[in-house]
Amino acid sequence: MPAPPHDASGHTWHHPDAVLFAITKNGLVAGVTAPEGYVSDMPAFGQLLSDQDIVAVLAYIKSTWPRKMAAAQREVTEAQGR
């Protein structure tokens, strides 16, 4: 399954920062960052990008979201304690 779009048409904004970071760094791994049996084309970028680079990429993606989406994602992140 292809990775979802990271704009308003996708569901990336439903996830807290820690999950977005883990998925970007490690890819979608069944039983770890995805449900058991889940198959995805989302690769890991941990070998290509530093942690700071991943944070910067995610900040850019989030900067393109509509205000309501960004606010909802911040609430999800805060609820996760991070």
N, C-alpha and C. Protein backbone atom coordinates (compact mmCIF):
# COMPACT_ATOMS: atom_id res chain seq x y z
N MET A 1 0.85 -1.17 0.00
CA MET A 1 0.00 0.00 0.00
C MET A 1 0.90 1.24 0.00
N PRO A 2 0.61 2.22 -0.84
CA PRO A 2 1.45 3.43 -0.87
C PRO A 2 1.28 4.25 0.41
N ALA A 3 2.32 5.02 0.71
CA ALA A 3 2.24 5.93 1.86
C ALA A 3 1.15 6.96 1.58
N PRO A 4 0.42 7.40 2.61
CA PRO A 4 -0.66 8.37 2.40
C PRO A 4 -0.09 9.75 2.08
N PRO A 5 -0.88 10.58 1.42
CA PRO A 5 -0.44 11.96 1.19
C PRO A 5 -0.36 12.68 2.54
N HIS A 6 0.53 13.64 2.63
CA HIS A 6 0.71 14.36 3.89
C HIS A 6 0.01 15.71 3.89
N ASP A 7 -0.91 15.90 2.96
CA ASP A 7 -1.66 17.15 2.88
C ASP A 7 -3.04 16.96 3.51
N ALA A 8 -3.93 17.89 3.27
CA ALA A 8 -5.27 17.86 3.87
C ALA A 8 -6.09 16.64 3.45
N SER A 9 -5.72 15.99 2.35
CA SER A 9 -6.49 14.83 1.90
C SER A 9 -6.05 13.54 2.59
N GLY A 10 -4.94 13.57 3.29
CA GLY A 10 -4.42 12.38 3.96
C GLY A 10 -4.82 12.34 5.42
N HIS A 11 -4.24 11.39 6.15
CA HIS A 11 -4.56 11.26 7.57
C HIS A 11 -3.34 11.43 8.47
N THR A 12 -2.25 11.92 7.92
CA THR A 12 -1.03 12.11 8.70
C THR A 12 -1.29 12.93 9.95
N TRP A 13 -2.12 13.94 9.84
CA TRP A 13 -2.39 14.86 10.95
C TRP A 13 -3.13 14.21 12.11
N HIS A 14 -3.62 13.00 11.94
CA HIS A 14 -4.29 12.29 13.02
C HIS A 14 -3.30 11.72 14.03
N HIS A 15 -2.01 11.71 13.69
CA HIS A 15 -1.00 11.05 14.50
C HIS A 15 -0.16 12.04 15.30
N PRO A 16 0.25 11.66 16.52
CA PRO A 16 1.12 12.54 17.31
C PRO A 16 2.53 12.59 16.72
N ASP A 17 3.27 13.60 17.12
CA ASP A 17 4.63 13.80 16.61
C ASP A 17 5.50 12.56 16.77
N ALA A 18 5.43 11.89 17.92
CA ALA A 18 6.28 10.73 18.16
C ALA A 18 6.02 9.62 17.14
N VAL A 19 4.77 9.42 16.77
CA VAL A 19 4.42 8.39 15.78
C VAL A 19 4.92 8.81 14.40
N LEU A 20 4.71 10.07 14.03
CA LEU A 20 5.19 10.55 12.73
C LEU A 20 6.70 10.41 12.63
N PHE A 21 7.40 10.75 13.71
CA PHE A 21 8.85 10.63 13.72
C PHE A 21 9.27 9.17 13.55
N ALA A 22 8.66 8.27 14.32
CA ALA A 22 9.02 6.84 14.26
C ALA A 22 8.75 6.25 12.88
N ILE A 23 7.63 6.60 12.29
CA ILE A 23 7.30 6.08 10.96
C ILE A 23 8.27 6.61 9.92
N THR A 24 8.62 7.89 10.01
CA THR A 24 9.56 8.47 9.05
C THR A 24 10.94 7.84 9.22
N LYS A 25 11.37 7.67 10.44
CA LYS A 25 12.70 7.12 10.69
C LYS A 25 12.78 5.63 10.36
N ASN A 26 11.77 4.85 10.78
CA ASN A 26 11.83 3.39 10.70
C ASN A 26 10.97 2.78 9.60
N GLY A 27 10.15 3.58 8.93
CA GLY A 27 9.21 3.06 7.94
C GLY A 27 8.01 2.45 8.63
N LEU A 28 7.10 1.92 7.85
CA LEU A 28 5.94 1.23 8.42
C LEU A 28 6.30 -0.25 8.54
N VAL A 29 6.42 -0.68 9.77
CA VAL A 29 6.82 -2.05 10.07
C VAL A 29 5.66 -2.74 10.76
N ALA A 30 5.16 -3.81 10.16
CA ALA A 30 4.04 -4.55 10.74
C ALA A 30 4.37 -4.97 12.16
N GLY A 31 3.45 -4.69 13.08
CA GLY A 31 3.62 -5.05 14.48
C GLY A 31 4.45 -4.06 15.29
N VAL A 32 5.03 -3.06 14.63
CA VAL A 32 5.83 -2.06 15.34
C VAL A 32 5.22 -0.68 15.13
N THR A 33 5.25 -0.19 13.90
CA THR A 33 4.66 1.11 13.58
C THR A 33 3.40 0.97 12.74
N ALA A 34 2.96 -0.25 12.55
CA ALA A 34 1.72 -0.54 11.80
C ALA A 34 1.11 -1.81 12.38
N PRO A 35 -0.19 -2.02 12.15
CA PRO A 35 -0.83 -3.24 12.65
C PRO A 35 -0.19 -4.51 12.06
N GLU A 36 -0.28 -5.61 12.79
CA GLU A 36 0.21 -6.90 12.28
C GLU A 36 -0.38 -7.17 10.90
N GLY A 37 0.43 -7.65 9.99
CA GLY A 37 -0.02 -8.00 8.66
C GLY A 37 -0.12 -6.83 7.69
N TYR A 38 0.11 -5.61 8.17
CA TYR A 38 0.01 -4.43 7.31
C TYR A 38 1.19 -4.39 6.35
N VAL A 39 0.90 -4.15 5.08
CA VAL A 39 1.94 -4.06 4.06
C VAL A 39 1.92 -2.65 3.50
N SER A 40 3.09 -2.02 3.43
CA SER A 40 3.16 -0.64 2.96
C SER A 40 4.44 -0.41 2.17
N ASP A 41 4.38 0.59 1.29
CA ASP A 41 5.55 1.02 0.54
C ASP A 41 6.32 2.12 1.27
N MET A 42 5.89 2.48 2.48
CA MET A 42 6.55 3.56 3.22
C MET A 42 7.92 3.10 3.68
N PRO A 43 8.99 3.67 3.09
CA PRO A 43 10.34 3.25 3.47
C PRO A 43 10.82 3.92 4.75
N ALA A 44 11.90 3.41 5.28
CA ALA A 44 12.57 4.03 6.42
C ALA A 44 13.57 5.06 5.89
N PHE A 45 13.66 6.20 6.58
CA PHE A 45 14.61 7.24 6.18
C PHE A 45 15.69 7.45 7.23
N GLY A 46 15.72 6.61 8.26
CA GLY A 46 16.69 6.76 9.34
C GLY A 46 18.14 6.64 8.91
N GLN A 47 18.39 5.93 7.82
CA GLN A 47 19.76 5.80 7.32
C GLN A 47 20.16 6.98 6.42
N LEU A 48 19.16 7.72 5.96
CA LEU A 48 19.42 8.84 5.04
C LEU A 48 19.37 10.20 5.72
N LEU A 49 18.54 10.31 6.75
CA LEU A 49 18.31 11.60 7.41
C LEU A 49 18.68 11.51 8.89
N SER A 50 19.24 12.58 9.41
CA SER A 50 19.49 12.64 10.85
C SER A 50 18.16 12.89 11.56
N ASP A 51 18.15 12.71 12.87
CA ASP A 51 16.94 13.00 13.64
C ASP A 51 16.51 14.46 13.43
N GLN A 52 17.49 15.37 13.41
CA GLN A 52 17.17 16.79 13.19
C GLN A 52 16.56 17.01 11.81
N ASP A 53 17.07 16.30 10.81
CA ASP A 53 16.50 16.41 9.46
C ASP A 53 15.05 15.94 9.44
N ILE A 54 14.78 14.83 10.12
CA ILE A 54 13.41 14.30 10.16
C ILE A 54 12.48 15.29 10.83
N VAL A 55 12.92 15.86 11.94
CA VAL A 55 12.11 16.88 12.63
C VAL A 55 11.85 18.06 11.70
N ALA A 56 12.86 18.48 10.94
CA ALA A 56 12.69 19.61 10.01
C ALA A 56 11.72 19.27 8.89
N VAL A 57 11.81 18.07 8.34
CA VAL A 57 10.89 17.65 7.28
C VAL A 57 9.46 17.62 7.81
N LEU A 58 9.27 17.06 8.99
CA LEU A 58 7.93 17.02 9.57
C LEU A 58 7.40 18.42 9.86
N ALA A 59 8.27 19.31 10.31
CA ALA A 59 7.85 20.70 10.55
C ALA A 59 7.39 21.36 9.25
N TYR A 60 8.11 21.09 8.17
CA TYR A 60 7.70 21.65 6.88
C TYR A 60 6.34 21.10 6.47
N ILE A 61 6.18 19.79 6.54
CA ILE A 61 4.90 19.17 6.16
C ILE A 61 3.76 19.78 6.98
N LYS A 62 3.96 19.88 8.29
CA LYS A 62 2.91 20.43 9.16
C LYS A 62 2.63 21.89 8.86
N SER A 63 3.62 22.62 8.35
CA SER A 63 3.41 24.04 8.03
C SER A 63 2.48 24.23 6.84
N THR A 64 2.25 23.19 6.08
CA THR A 64 1.37 23.28 4.90
C THR A 64 -0.08 22.93 5.22
N TRP A 65 -0.34 22.42 6.44
CA TRP A 65 -1.70 22.02 6.80
C TRP A 65 -2.57 23.23 7.12
N PRO A 66 -3.86 23.12 6.85
CA PRO A 66 -4.79 24.17 7.29
C PRO A 66 -4.74 24.32 8.82
N ARG A 67 -5.06 25.49 9.30
CA ARG A 67 -4.98 25.79 10.74
C ARG A 67 -5.71 24.79 11.62
N LYS A 68 -6.92 24.41 11.22
CA LYS A 68 -7.71 23.47 12.05
C LYS A 68 -7.02 22.12 12.16
N MET A 69 -6.46 21.67 11.05
CA MET A 69 -5.74 20.39 11.05
C MET A 69 -4.51 20.44 11.94
N ALA A 70 -3.75 21.52 11.81
CA ALA A 70 -2.54 21.67 12.61
C ALA A 70 -2.89 21.73 14.09
N ALA A 71 -3.96 22.43 14.43
CA ALA A 71 -4.39 22.52 15.83
C ALA A 71 -4.81 21.15 16.36
N ALA A 72 -5.54 20.40 15.56
CA ALA A 72 -5.98 19.06 15.97
C ALA A 72 -4.77 18.15 16.19
N GLN A 73 -3.78 18.24 15.32
CA GLN A 73 -2.59 17.41 15.46
C GLN A 73 -1.79 17.81 16.70
N ARG A 74 -1.73 19.08 17.01
CA ARG A 74 -1.04 19.53 18.23
C ARG A 74 -1.74 18.96 19.47
N GLU A 75 -3.07 18.94 19.44
CA GLU A 75 -3.83 18.38 20.57
C GLU A 75 -3.54 16.89 20.74
N VAL A 76 -3.48 16.17 19.64
CA VAL A 76 -3.17 14.74 19.70
C VAL A 76 -1.77 14.54 20.28
N THR A 77 -0.83 15.35 19.84
CA THR A 77 0.55 15.27 20.35
C THR A 77 0.59 15.58 21.84
N GLU A 78 -0.10 16.63 22.26
CA GLU A 78 -0.13 17.00 23.68
C GLU A 78 -0.78 15.92 24.52
N ALA A 79 -1.82 15.29 23.99
CA ALA A 79 -2.49 14.21 24.72
C ALA A 79 -1.56 13.01 24.92
N GLN A 80 -0.61 12.84 24.01
CA GLN A 80 0.37 11.75 24.12
C GLN A 80 1.52 12.13 25.04
N GLY A 81 1.50 13.37 25.54
CA GLY A 81 2.53 13.80 26.47
C GLY A 81 3.84 14.17 25.85
N ARG A 82 3.79 14.62 24.60
CA ARG A 82 5.03 15.00 23.90
C ARG A 82 4.76 16.11 22.93
